[in-house]
Every structure is written in structure tokens, then in C-alpha cells.
Amino acid sequence: MAVRTSTAEWRGNLREGKGTMKLGSGAWEGQYSFLSRFESGVGTNPEELIAAAHAGCFSMALSAGLAKGGFTPTRIQTTAAVHLGKVGEGFAVTRIDLSTEAQVPGIDAETFAKFAEDAKKGCPISKLLAAAEITLEAKLV
């Protein structure tokens, strides 16, 4: 199987320092800082990148599951909200809220909800992040 890489560089102390992150494919490179992670500064943060990875993985897993069940989705759009919170003396990802809506011809809401729940449990990123509570809101449109 494939091995994917990304790099990060940090310069300076935690509060005033700055860093950059770069995807190994070269598809994206951007800045991050204390402010972009813990407040509302310019740039990204590790949790935002995790959210993008989880939303993408879940959408693909849902599409694959639907296809195995004989359904072809027209569109799946997923948002992942990663919650970073203070836990003890440090910080942790405490919860991830997945919210997805999909257009899937010929499926009813109950069947769709089952496929969505299976995708939540089965996508590799959900498995990786299982230490956090993962919630799901699935809407058929």
C-alpha cells in the first residue's frame, strides 16, 4: 500500500513562533502559528488538516459502501469539526462531528443512515481517530 508523507517546520517558541506545513505531494503548503491553532490567527492548524482528511476519507468510504449496496451517489458533501480541548495538563482532540449530506437516487433515508454509520465506523481515518468521540449527522437530499 501507499505511504504518504507531509512535513512541518516550527521556528521559535510556542507563543511567538511560526511554522509551515507542506503536503508531500506538493498540492498544498501553508503557515501555522499559536494564534491559528488556539485563537483565530491567519493560517491553518493540525486539527483543520485532520478535519479535511476525515471528511475526505468518510466521503470516499460512504461512496464505496453505497456502491457495494447497488447505489450510485450523485454527490456526497461532508464536513468534519475537530474539537481541541484542554485535558489535564495538556490538550487533546476530544470529539469529531461529522456532518454529511448526499444525493443518492433510489435509496430511502433509513437505508442511507445505515450506510453512513457503517462508513463512519469503517473509514481508516475514523479508525485512527477512535480515541475521540465521533458523532455523525447524515442527511439525504
Protein backbone atom coordinates (compact mmCIF):
# COMPACT_ATOMS: atom_id res chain seq x y z
CA MET A 1 0.00 0.00 0.00
CA ALA A 2 0.96 3.62 -0.39
CA VAL A 3 2.89 5.60 2.19
CA ARG A 4 2.01 9.31 2.37
CA THR A 5 4.22 11.98 3.88
CA SER A 6 3.94 15.59 4.94
CA THR A 7 6.43 17.87 6.65
CA ALA A 8 6.23 20.62 9.25
CA GLU A 9 8.80 23.13 10.39
CA TRP A 10 8.46 25.29 13.50
CA ARG A 11 10.68 28.27 14.33
CA GLY A 12 10.72 30.00 17.69
CA ASN A 13 8.89 29.50 20.96
CA LEU A 14 5.31 28.30 21.25
CA ARG A 15 3.52 31.66 21.52
CA GLU A 16 5.52 33.85 19.14
CA GLY A 17 6.90 31.16 16.85
CA LYS A 18 5.65 30.35 13.39
CA GLY A 19 5.67 27.31 11.20
CA THR A 20 4.88 25.90 7.82
CA MET A 21 3.32 22.61 6.81
CA LYS A 22 3.64 21.03 3.39
CA LEU A 23 1.96 18.02 1.86
CA GLY A 24 4.37 15.51 0.38
CA SER A 25 2.55 15.62 -2.96
CA GLY A 26 3.21 19.35 -3.22
CA ALA A 27 -0.53 20.01 -3.57
CA TRP A 28 -0.58 22.36 -0.58
CA GLU A 29 1.78 24.35 1.63
CA GLY A 30 0.77 26.83 4.32
CA GLN A 31 1.60 28.59 7.53
CA TYR A 32 0.50 27.89 11.07
CA SER A 33 1.03 29.54 14.43
CA PHE A 34 -0.14 29.57 18.03
CA LEU A 35 -2.84 32.06 17.03
CA SER A 36 -4.09 29.95 14.10
CA ARG A 37 -4.28 26.91 16.34
CA PHE A 38 -5.62 28.21 19.63
CA GLU A 39 -7.25 31.51 18.71
CA SER A 40 -8.17 32.96 15.30
CA GLY A 41 -4.96 33.88 13.53
CA VAL A 42 -4.06 33.60 9.88
CA GLY A 43 -3.08 30.14 8.70
CA THR A 44 -4.09 26.59 9.35
CA ASN A 45 -3.51 24.13 12.18
CA PRO A 46 -3.12 20.38 12.64
CA GLU A 47 -6.77 19.93 13.64
CA GLU A 48 -8.04 21.61 10.47
CA LEU A 49 -5.91 19.28 8.38
CA ILE A 50 -7.19 16.28 10.36
CA ALA A 51 -10.75 17.51 9.71
CA ALA A 52 -10.08 17.66 5.96
CA ALA A 53 -8.58 14.17 5.99
CA HIS A 54 -11.51 12.75 7.96
CA ALA A 55 -14.15 14.41 5.76
CA GLY A 56 -12.44 13.12 2.63
CA CYS A 57 -11.97 9.60 3.95
CA PHE A 58 -15.53 9.34 5.23
CA SER A 59 -16.98 10.58 1.91
CA MET A 60 -14.98 8.00 -0.03
CA ALA A 61 -15.93 5.21 2.41
CA LEU A 62 -19.60 6.15 2.13
CA SER A 63 -19.39 6.16 -1.66
CA ALA A 64 -17.72 2.73 -1.64
CA GLY A 65 -20.30 1.27 0.73
CA LEU A 66 -23.20 2.64 -1.30
CA ALA A 67 -21.69 1.22 -4.49
CA LYS A 68 -21.36 -2.23 -2.88
CA GLY A 69 -25.03 -1.95 -1.93
CA GLY A 70 -26.03 -1.15 -5.51
CA PHE A 71 -26.43 2.63 -5.12
CA THR A 72 -24.54 5.29 -7.05
CA PRO A 73 -24.32 8.62 -5.23
CA THR A 74 -24.59 11.78 -7.30
CA ARG A 75 -22.90 13.87 -4.61
CA ILE A 76 -21.59 13.46 -1.07
CA GLN A 77 -20.51 16.52 0.91
CA THR A 78 -19.05 16.06 4.36
CA THR A 79 -17.85 18.50 6.99
CA ALA A 80 -15.74 17.34 9.92
CA ALA A 81 -15.44 19.55 13.01
CA VAL A 82 -12.46 18.58 15.17
CA HIS A 83 -12.72 19.77 18.77
CA LEU A 84 -9.42 20.51 20.53
CA GLY A 85 -9.76 20.96 24.27
CA LYS A 86 -7.81 21.16 27.48
CA VAL A 87 -7.48 17.75 29.11
CA GLY A 88 -5.49 17.62 32.31
CA GLU A 89 -2.23 19.50 31.86
CA GLY A 90 -2.34 19.32 28.06
CA PHE A 91 -4.64 19.32 25.07
CA ALA A 92 -6.44 16.57 23.18
CA VAL A 93 -8.85 16.07 20.33
CA THR A 94 -11.95 15.32 22.36
CA ARG A 95 -14.63 14.99 19.69
CA ILE A 96 -15.12 14.97 15.94
CA ASP A 97 -18.52 15.84 14.49
CA LEU A 98 -19.14 14.52 11.00
CA SER A 99 -21.98 16.09 9.06
CA THR A 100 -22.75 14.73 5.63
CA GLU A 101 -25.40 15.25 3.04
CA ALA A 102 -25.74 13.21 -0.08
CA GLN A 103 -27.79 12.81 -3.19
CA VAL A 104 -28.32 9.11 -3.79
CA PRO A 105 -31.00 8.13 -6.29
CA GLY A 106 -33.24 5.22 -5.31
CA ILE A 107 -32.36 4.97 -1.61
CA ASP A 108 -34.54 5.68 1.43
CA ALA A 109 -33.37 7.68 4.46
CA GLU A 110 -33.18 4.67 6.80
CA THR A 111 -31.00 2.66 4.41
CA PHE A 112 -28.82 5.68 3.75
CA ALA A 113 -28.33 6.23 7.50
CA LYS A 114 -27.12 2.64 7.87
CA PHE A 115 -24.57 3.08 5.08
CA ALA A 116 -23.41 6.35 6.65
CA GLU A 117 -22.97 4.75 10.07
CA ASP A 118 -21.01 1.86 8.52
CA ALA A 119 -18.77 4.38 6.73
CA LYS A 120 -18.16 6.25 9.98
CA LYS A 121 -17.03 3.04 11.67
CA GLY A 122 -15.10 1.68 8.72
CA CYS A 123 -13.16 4.55 7.20
CA PRO A 124 -9.43 4.30 8.02
CA ILE A 125 -9.26 7.82 9.45
CA SER A 126 -12.21 7.10 11.79
CA LYS A 127 -10.37 4.00 12.97
CA LEU A 128 -7.21 6.04 13.52
CA LEU A 129 -9.08 8.70 15.49
CA ALA A 130 -11.21 6.28 17.53
CA ALA A 131 -9.82 7.62 20.82
CA ALA A 132 -12.05 10.67 20.28
CA GLU A 133 -15.84 10.54 20.29
CA ILE A 134 -17.05 10.64 16.67
CA THR A 135 -20.60 11.83 16.05
CA LEU A 136 -22.49 11.66 12.77
CA GLU A 137 -25.34 13.62 11.26
CA ALA A 138 -26.32 12.13 7.90
CA LYS A 139 -28.85 13.80 5.64
CA LEU A 140 -30.22 12.51 2.38
CA VAL A 141 -31.11 15.35 -0.01
